[in-house]
Amino acid sequence: MVEAGLRPKTVRDAKLAPVRAILQWGVQKLLLAENVAEKVTIDVRAKQGEKKRSFTDEEDRLILRAALKERDPVRRWVPWIGA
């Protein structure tokens, strides 16, 4: 699934979790001896380059300078409040 383009977190939370839950139900109802999906793991750490980055100092200056030129109060002050 990861090779097909799904993010590891999606695979873990949206694909494996329901399977684990169903198999755990089978274990609790004594229909299965064990939940084999409990042993399936996937590393969900972000790869280098996929992490969100903050603005550089130059990008900050550029945004705030542009905000100062705005006449609309929202466009003028929201970047400053966010900064």
PDB file of N, CA and C in Angstrom:
ATOM      1  N   MET A   1       0.821  -1.195   0.000  1.00  0.00           N
ATOM      2  CA  MET A   1       0.000   0.000   0.000  1.00  0.00           C
ATOM      3  C   MET A   1       0.865   1.259   0.000  1.00  0.00           C
ATOM      4  N   VAL A   2       1.972   1.207   0.730  1.00  0.00           N
ATOM      5  CA  VAL A   2       2.874   2.355   0.747  1.00  0.00           C
ATOM      6  C   VAL A   2       3.494   2.533  -0.631  1.00  0.00           C
ATOM      7  N   GLU A   3       3.878   1.424  -1.241  1.00  0.00           N
ATOM      8  CA  GLU A   3       4.463   1.502  -2.583  1.00  0.00           C
ATOM      9  C   GLU A   3       3.456   2.012  -3.604  1.00  0.00           C
ATOM     10  N   ALA A   4       2.170   1.810  -3.345  1.00  0.00           N
ATOM     11  CA  ALA A   4       1.123   2.292  -4.241  1.00  0.00           C
ATOM     12  C   ALA A   4       0.850   3.783  -4.057  1.00  0.00           C
ATOM     13  N   GLY A   5       1.482   4.405  -3.044  1.00  0.00           N
ATOM     14  CA  GLY A   5       1.332   5.843  -2.876  1.00  0.00           C
ATOM     15  C   GLY A   5       0.616   6.284  -1.623  1.00  0.00           C
ATOM     16  N   LEU A   6       0.095   5.352  -0.826  1.00  0.00           N
ATOM     17  CA  LEU A   6      -0.568   5.743   0.417  1.00  0.00           C
ATOM     18  C   LEU A   6       0.475   6.098   1.462  1.00  0.00           C
ATOM     19  N   ARG A   7       0.172   7.081   2.273  1.00  0.00           N
ATOM     20  CA  ARG A   7       1.082   7.466   3.352  1.00  0.00           C
ATOM     21  C   ARG A   7       1.031   6.393   4.440  1.00  0.00           C
ATOM     22  N   PRO A   8       2.160   6.170   5.126  1.00  0.00           N
ATOM     23  CA  PRO A   8       2.191   5.150   6.177  1.00  0.00           C
ATOM     24  C   PRO A   8       1.141   5.366   7.269  1.00  0.00           C
ATOM     25  N   LYS A   9       0.886   6.611   7.638  1.00  0.00           N
ATOM     26  CA  LYS A   9      -0.122   6.881   8.667  1.00  0.00           C
ATOM     27  C   LYS A   9      -1.513   6.456   8.196  1.00  0.00           C
ATOM     28  N   THR A  10      -1.810   6.658   6.926  1.00  0.00           N
ATOM     29  CA  THR A  10      -3.092   6.238   6.377  1.00  0.00           C
ATOM     30  C   THR A  10      -3.208   4.721   6.415  1.00  0.00           C
ATOM     31  N   VAL A  11      -2.148   4.053   6.047  1.00  0.00           N
ATOM     32  CA  VAL A  11      -2.163   2.587   6.069  1.00  0.00           C
ATOM     33  C   VAL A  11      -2.397   2.095   7.491  1.00  0.00           C
ATOM     34  N   ARG A  12      -1.680   2.676   8.446  1.00  0.00           N
ATOM     35  CA  ARG A  12      -1.808   2.244   9.841  1.00  0.00           C
ATOM     36  C   ARG A  12      -3.194   2.535  10.406  1.00  0.00           C
ATOM     37  N   ASP A  13      -3.672   3.762  10.211  1.00  0.00           N
ATOM     38  CA  ASP A  13      -4.910   4.178  10.870  1.00  0.00           C
ATOM     39  C   ASP A  13      -6.179   3.799  10.118  1.00  0.00           C
ATOM     40  N   ALA A  14      -6.143   3.777   8.795  1.00  0.00           N
ATOM     41  CA  ALA A  14      -7.365   3.552   8.026  1.00  0.00           C
ATOM     42  C   ALA A  14      -7.463   2.149   7.435  1.00  0.00           C
ATOM     43  N   LYS A  15      -6.338   1.475   7.309  1.00  0.00           N
ATOM     44  CA  LYS A  15      -6.370   0.148   6.692  1.00  0.00           C
ATOM     45  C   LYS A  15      -6.102  -0.959   7.698  1.00  0.00           C
ATOM     46  N   LEU A  16      -5.045  -0.828   8.502  1.00  0.00           N
ATOM     47  CA  LEU A  16      -4.708  -1.878   9.448  1.00  0.00           C
ATOM     48  C   LEU A  16      -5.583  -1.865  10.701  1.00  0.00           C
ATOM     49  N   ALA A  17      -5.946  -0.695  11.180  1.00  0.00           N
ATOM     50  CA  ALA A  17      -6.731  -0.601  12.413  1.00  0.00           C
ATOM     51  C   ALA A  17      -8.067  -1.354  12.325  1.00  0.00           C
ATOM     52  N   PRO A  18      -8.831  -1.205  11.235  1.00  0.00           N
ATOM     53  CA  PRO A  18     -10.080  -1.969  11.157  1.00  0.00           C
ATOM     54  C   PRO A  18      -9.853  -3.482  11.107  1.00  0.00           C
ATOM     55  N   VAL A  19      -8.804  -3.905  10.425  1.00  0.00           N
ATOM     56  CA  VAL A  19      -8.507  -5.341  10.371  1.00  0.00           C
ATOM     57  C   VAL A  19      -8.144  -5.845  11.761  1.00  0.00           C
ATOM     58  N   ARG A  20      -7.328  -5.085  12.480  1.00  0.00           N
ATOM     59  CA  ARG A  20      -6.975  -5.474  13.850  1.00  0.00           C
ATOM     60  C   ARG A  20      -8.224  -5.577  14.727  1.00  0.00           C
ATOM     61  N   ALA A  21      -9.130  -4.621  14.586  1.00  0.00           N
ATOM     62  CA  ALA A  21     -10.346  -4.615  15.405  1.00  0.00           C
ATOM     63  C   ALA A  21     -11.220  -5.825  15.116  1.00  0.00           C
ATOM     64  N   ILE A  22     -11.367  -6.155  13.853  1.00  0.00           N
ATOM     65  CA  ILE A  22     -12.194  -7.318  13.480  1.00  0.00           C
ATOM     66  C   ILE A  22     -11.567  -8.599  14.000  1.00  0.00           C
ATOM     67  N   LEU A  23     -10.264  -8.734  13.820  1.00  0.00           N
ATOM     68  CA  LEU A  23      -9.594  -9.937  14.305  1.00  0.00           C
ATOM     69  C   LEU A  23      -9.618 -10.014  15.830  1.00  0.00           C
ATOM     70  N   GLN A  24      -9.515  -8.873  16.509  1.00  0.00           N
ATOM     71  CA  GLN A  24      -9.602  -8.875  17.972  1.00  0.00           C
ATOM     72  C   GLN A  24     -10.989  -9.311  18.425  1.00  0.00           C
ATOM     73  N   TRP A  25     -12.006  -8.915  17.708  1.00  0.00           N
ATOM     74  CA  TRP A  25     -13.367  -9.366  18.010  1.00  0.00           C
ATOM     75  C   TRP A  25     -13.444 -10.887  17.896  1.00  0.00           C
ATOM     76  N   GLY A  26     -12.821 -11.431  16.855  1.00  0.00           N
ATOM     77  CA  GLY A  26     -12.798 -12.886  16.684  1.00  0.00           C
ATOM     78  C   GLY A  26     -12.087 -13.590  17.823  1.00  0.00           C
ATOM     79  N   VAL A  27     -11.019 -12.995  18.337  1.00  0.00           N
ATOM     80  CA  VAL A  27     -10.300 -13.563  19.471  1.00  0.00           C
ATOM     81  C   VAL A  27     -11.176 -13.526  20.721  1.00  0.00           C
ATOM     82  N   GLN A  28     -11.846 -12.394  20.946  1.00  0.00           N
ATOM     83  CA  GLN A  28     -12.698 -12.255  22.124  1.00  0.00           C
ATOM     84  C   GLN A  28     -13.885 -13.213  22.094  1.00  0.00           C
ATOM     85  N   LYS A  29     -14.386 -13.523  20.912  1.00  0.00           N
ATOM     86  CA  LYS A  29     -15.518 -14.450  20.773  1.00  0.00           C
ATOM     87  C   LYS A  29     -15.047 -15.901  20.669  1.00  0.00           C
ATOM     88  N   LEU A  30     -13.729 -16.112  20.855  1.00  0.00           N
ATOM     89  CA  LEU A  30     -13.112 -17.433  20.807  1.00  0.00           C
ATOM     90  C   LEU A  30     -13.239 -18.103  19.444  1.00  0.00           C
ATOM     91  N   LEU A  31     -13.342 -17.298  18.400  1.00  0.00           N
ATOM     92  CA  LEU A  31     -13.386 -17.820  17.039  1.00  0.00           C
ATOM     93  C   LEU A  31     -11.982 -17.934  16.446  1.00  0.00           C
ATOM     94  N   LEU A  32     -11.048 -17.167  17.006  1.00  0.00           N
ATOM     95  CA  LEU A  32      -9.651 -17.184  16.573  1.00  0.00           C
ATOM     96  C   LEU A  32      -8.757 -17.404  17.783  1.00  0.00           C
ATOM     97  N   ALA A  33      -7.643 -18.078  17.554  1.00  0.00           N
ATOM     98  CA  ALA A  33      -6.706 -18.326  18.648  1.00  0.00           C
ATOM     99  C   ALA A  33      -5.898 -17.075  18.981  1.00  0.00           C
ATOM    100  N   GLU A  34      -5.553 -16.289  17.974  1.00  0.00           N
ATOM    101  CA  GLU A  34      -4.778 -15.079  18.210  1.00  0.00           C
ATOM    102  C   GLU A  34      -5.072 -14.042  17.133  1.00  0.00           C
ATOM    103  N   ASN A  35      -4.732 -12.801  17.445  1.00  0.00           N
ATOM    104  CA  ASN A  35      -4.884 -11.699  16.503  1.00  0.00           C
ATOM    105  C   ASN A  35      -3.551 -11.513  15.786  1.00  0.00           C
ATOM    106  N   VAL A  36      -3.456 -12.074  14.595  1.00  0.00           N
ATOM    107  CA  VAL A  36      -2.186 -12.011  13.859  1.00  0.00           C
ATOM    108  C   VAL A  36      -1.879 -10.595  13.374  1.00  0.00           C
ATOM    109  N   ALA A  37      -2.869  -9.733  13.296  1.00  0.00           N
ATOM    110  CA  ALA A  37      -2.651  -8.353  12.844  1.00  0.00           C
ATOM    111  C   ALA A  37      -1.937  -7.519  13.898  1.00  0.00           C
ATOM    112  N   GLU A  38      -1.914  -7.973  15.156  1.00  0.00           N
ATOM    113  CA  GLU A  38      -1.212  -7.230  16.194  1.00  0.00           C
ATOM    114  C   GLU A  38       0.277  -7.162  15.912  1.00  0.00           C
ATOM    115  N   LYS A  39       0.792  -8.135  15.198  1.00  0.00           N
ATOM    116  CA  LYS A  39       2.222  -8.212  14.911  1.00  0.00           C
ATOM    117  C   LYS A  39       2.630  -7.366  13.712  1.00  0.00           C
ATOM    118  N   VAL A  40       1.670  -6.866  12.959  1.00  0.00           N
ATOM    119  CA  VAL A  40       1.962  -6.059  11.778  1.00  0.00           C
ATOM    120  C   VAL A  40       2.204  -4.625  12.219  1.00  0.00           C
ATOM    121  N   THR A  41       3.373  -4.098  11.878  1.00  0.00           N
ATOM    122  CA  THR A  41       3.698  -2.724  12.238  1.00  0.00           C
ATOM    123  C   THR A  41       4.156  -1.972  10.999  1.00  0.00           C
ATOM    124  N   ILE A  42       4.071  -0.667  11.081  1.00  0.00           N
ATOM    125  CA  ILE A  42       4.546   0.179   9.999  1.00  0.00           C
ATOM    126  C   ILE A  42       5.122   1.444  10.618  1.00  0.00           C
ATOM    127  N   ASP A  43       6.262   1.863  10.124  1.00  0.00           N
ATOM    128  CA  ASP A  43       6.939   3.054  10.631  1.00  0.00           C
ATOM    129  C   ASP A  43       6.275   4.284  10.023  1.00  0.00           C
ATOM    130  N   VAL A  44       5.763   5.181  10.871  1.00  0.00           N
ATOM    131  CA  VAL A  44       5.045   6.356  10.371  1.00  0.00           C
ATOM    132  C   VAL A  44       5.838   7.645  10.531  1.00  0.00           C
ATOM    133  N   ARG A  45       7.109   7.536  10.851  1.00  0.00           N
ATOM    134  CA  ARG A  45       7.920   8.750  10.948  1.00  0.00           C
ATOM    135  C   ARG A  45       8.020   9.413   9.585  1.00  0.00           C
ATOM    136  N   ALA A  46       8.007  10.719   9.582  1.00  0.00           N
ATOM    137  CA  ALA A  46       8.102  11.466   8.327  1.00  0.00           C
ATOM    138  C   ALA A  46       9.496  11.311   7.736  1.00  0.00           C
ATOM    139  N   LYS A  47       9.550  11.150   6.440  1.00  0.00           N
ATOM    140  CA  LYS A  47      10.831  11.052   5.756  1.00  0.00           C
ATOM    141  C   LYS A  47      11.448  12.441   5.663  1.00  0.00           C
ATOM    142  N   GLN A  48      12.760  12.461   5.530  1.00  0.00           N
ATOM    143  CA  GLN A  48      13.451  13.738   5.389  1.00  0.00           C
ATOM    144  C   GLN A  48      12.919  14.457   4.158  1.00  0.00           C
ATOM    145  N   GLY A  49      12.570  15.697   4.284  1.00  0.00           N
ATOM    146  CA  GLY A  49      12.042  16.465   3.167  1.00  0.00           C
ATOM    147  C   GLY A  49      10.527  16.521   3.147  1.00  0.00           C
ATOM    148  N   GLU A  50       9.845  15.649   3.905  1.00  0.00           N
ATOM    149  CA  GLU A  50       8.385  15.662   3.970  1.00  0.00           C
ATOM    150  C   GLU A  50       7.882  16.446   5.177  1.00  0.00           C
ATOM    151  N   LYS A  51       8.783  16.783   6.081  1.00  0.00           N
ATOM    152  CA  LYS A  51       8.376  17.516   7.270  1.00  0.00           C
ATOM    153  C   LYS A  51       8.004  18.939   6.885  1.00  0.00           C
ATOM    154  N   LYS A  52       7.076  19.500   7.629  1.00  0.00           N
ATOM    155  CA  LYS A  52       6.711  20.891   7.400  1.00  0.00           C
ATOM    156  C   LYS A  52       7.846  21.762   7.895  1.00  0.00           C
ATOM    157  N   ARG A  53       8.123  22.801   7.167  1.00  0.00           N
ATOM    158  CA  ARG A  53       9.185  23.705   7.582  1.00  0.00           C
ATOM    159  C   ARG A  53       8.592  25.070   7.843  1.00  0.00           C
ATOM    160  N   SER A  54       9.266  25.829   8.656  1.00  0.00           N
ATOM    161  CA  SER A  54       8.813  27.191   8.915  1.00  0.00           C
ATOM    162  C   SER A  54       9.409  28.122   7.859  1.00  0.00           C
ATOM    163  N   PHE A  55       8.938  29.346   7.869  1.00  0.00           N
ATOM    164  CA  PHE A  55       9.457  30.336   6.929  1.00  0.00           C
ATOM    165  C   PHE A  55      10.876  30.724   7.301  1.00  0.00           C
ATOM    166  N   THR A  56      11.658  31.064   6.301  1.00  0.00           N
ATOM    167  CA  THR A  56      12.977  31.629   6.566  1.00  0.00           C
ATOM    168  C   THR A  56      12.789  33.087   6.980  1.00  0.00           C
ATOM    169  N   ASP A  57      13.824  33.687   7.510  1.00  0.00           N
ATOM    170  CA  ASP A  57      13.734  35.093   7.915  1.00  0.00           C
ATOM    171  C   ASP A  57      13.402  35.991   6.724  1.00  0.00           C
ATOM    172  N   GLU A  58      13.984  35.693   5.592  1.00  0.00           N
ATOM    173  CA  GLU A  58      13.715  36.499   4.392  1.00  0.00           C
ATOM    174  C   GLU A  58      12.258  36.346   3.948  1.00  0.00           C
ATOM    175  N   GLU A  59      11.724  35.142   4.006  1.00  0.00           N
ATOM    176  CA  GLU A  59      10.320  34.928   3.655  1.00  0.00           C
ATOM    177  C   GLU A  59       9.405  35.672   4.630  1.00  0.00           C
ATOM    178  N   ASP A  60       9.763  35.649   5.904  1.00  0.00           N
ATOM    179  CA  ASP A  60       8.985  36.402   6.908  1.00  0.00           C
ATOM    180  C   ASP A  60       8.943  37.887   6.566  1.00  0.00           C
ATOM    181  N   ARG A  61      10.100  38.452   6.273  1.00  0.00           N
ATOM    182  CA  ARG A  61      10.176  39.886   5.936  1.00  0.00           C
ATOM    183  C   ARG A  61       9.332  40.211   4.709  1.00  0.00           C
ATOM    184  N   LEU A  62       9.420  39.362   3.701  1.00  0.00           N
ATOM    185  CA  LEU A  62       8.678  39.573   2.457  1.00  0.00           C
ATOM    186  C   LEU A  62       7.166  39.595   2.718  1.00  0.00           C
ATOM    187  N   ILE A  63       6.684  38.639   3.500  1.00  0.00           N
ATOM    188  CA  ILE A  63       5.250  38.559   3.799  1.00  0.00           C
ATOM    189  C   ILE A  63       4.792  39.767   4.610  1.00  0.00           C
ATOM    190  N   LEU A  64       5.558  40.130   5.625  1.00  0.00           N
ATOM    191  CA  LEU A  64       5.151  41.237   6.485  1.00  0.00           C
ATOM    192  C   LEU A  64       5.240  42.585   5.772  1.00  0.00           C
ATOM    193  N   ARG A  65       6.216  42.744   4.890  1.00  0.00           N
ATOM    194  CA  ARG A  65       6.281  43.979   4.088  1.00  0.00           C
ATOM    195  C   ARG A  65       5.070  44.090   3.169  1.00  0.00           C
ATOM    196  N   ALA A  66       4.704  42.977   2.555  1.00  0.00           N
ATOM    197  CA  ALA A  66       3.535  42.984   1.673  1.00  0.00           C
ATOM    198  C   ALA A  66       2.269  43.274   2.470  1.00  0.00           C
ATOM    199  N   ALA A  67       2.188  42.761   3.690  1.00  0.00           N
ATOM    200  CA  ALA A  67       1.010  43.007   4.527  1.00  0.00           C
ATOM    201  C   ALA A  67       0.872  44.481   4.872  1.00  0.00           C
ATOM    202  N   LEU A  68       1.988  45.169   5.064  1.00  0.00           N
ATOM    203  CA  LEU A  68       1.932  46.597   5.405  1.00  0.00           C
ATOM    204  C   LEU A  68       1.329  47.434   4.282  1.00  0.00           C
ATOM    205  N   LYS A  69       1.432  46.963   3.049  1.00  0.00           N
ATOM    206  CA  LYS A  69       0.922  47.721   1.903  1.00  0.00           C
ATOM    207  C   LYS A  69      -0.571  47.491   1.662  1.00  0.00           C
ATOM    208  N   GLU A  70      -1.148  46.516   2.344  1.00  0.00           N
ATOM    209  CA  GLU A  70      -2.560  46.188   2.141  1.00  0.00           C
ATOM    210  C   GLU A  70      -3.467  47.223   2.784  1.00  0.00           C
ATOM    211  N   ARG A  71      -4.596  47.496   2.142  1.00  0.00           N
ATOM    212  CA  ARG A  71      -5.607  48.417   2.683  1.00  0.00           C
ATOM    213  C   ARG A  71      -6.678  47.649   3.467  1.00  0.00           C
ATOM    214  N   ASP A  72      -6.959  46.411   3.055  1.00  0.00           N
ATOM    215  CA  ASP A  72      -7.946  45.580   3.749  1.00  0.00           C
ATOM    216  C   ASP A  72      -7.378  45.207   5.124  1.00  0.00           C
ATOM    217  N   PRO A  73      -8.096  45.523   6.196  1.00  0.00           N
ATOM    218  CA  PRO A  73      -7.570  45.262   7.545  1.00  0.00           C
ATOM    219  C   PRO A  73      -7.227  43.784   7.802  1.00  0.00           C
ATOM    220  N   VAL A  74      -8.013  42.898   7.239  1.00  0.00           N
ATOM    221  CA  VAL A  74      -7.743  41.468   7.444  1.00  0.00           C
ATOM    222  C   VAL A  74      -6.420  41.081   6.802  1.00  0.00           C
ATOM    223  N   ARG A  75      -6.241  41.483   5.567  1.00  0.00           N
ATOM    224  CA  ARG A  75      -4.999  41.141   4.867  1.00  0.00           C
ATOM    225  C   ARG A  75      -3.788  41.869   5.456  1.00  0.00           C
ATOM    226  N   ARG A  76      -4.062  42.970   6.101  1.00  0.00           N
ATOM    227  CA  ARG A  76      -2.956  43.719   6.693  1.00  0.00           C
ATOM    228  C   ARG A  76      -2.531  43.133   8.035  1.00  0.00           C
ATOM    229  N   TRP A  77      -3.490  42.752   8.892  1.00  0.00           N
ATOM    230  CA  TRP A  77      -3.158  42.397  10.272  1.00  0.00           C
ATOM    231  C   TRP A  77      -3.046  40.905  10.535  1.00  0.00           C
ATOM    232  N   VAL A  78      -3.702  40.065   9.785  1.00  0.00           N
ATOM    233  CA  VAL A  78      -3.622  38.624  10.047  1.00  0.00           C
ATOM    234  C   VAL A  78      -2.197  38.100   9.943  1.00  0.00           C
ATOM    235  N   PRO A  79      -1.413  38.464   8.921  1.00  0.00           N
ATOM    236  CA  PRO A  79      -0.018  37.998   8.899  1.00  0.00           C
ATOM    237  C   PRO A  79       0.786  38.464  10.109  1.00  0.00           C
ATOM    238  N   TRP A  80       0.512  39.677  10.571  1.00  0.00           N
ATOM    239  CA  TRP A  80       1.238  40.189  11.740  1.00  0.00           C
ATOM    240  C   TRP A  80       0.843  39.446  13.011  1.00  0.00           C
ATOM    241  N   ILE A  81      -0.444  39.156  13.141  1.00  0.00           N
ATOM    242  CA  ILE A  81      -0.892  38.397  14.306  1.00  0.00           C
ATOM    243  C   ILE A  81      -0.309  36.994  14.271  1.00  0.00           C
ATOM    244  N   GLY A  82      -0.286  36.393  13.082  1.00  0.00           N
ATOM    245  CA  GLY A  82       0.293  35.054  12.943  1.00  0.00           C
ATOM    246  C   GLY A  82       1.788  35.016  13.206  1.00  0.00           C
ATOM    247  N   ALA A  83       2.452  36.092  12.869  1.00  0.00           N
ATOM    248  CA  ALA A  83       3.917  36.135  13.071  1.00  0.00           C
ATOM    249  C   ALA A  83       4.216  36.182  14.545  1.00  0.00           C
TER     250      ALA A  83
END
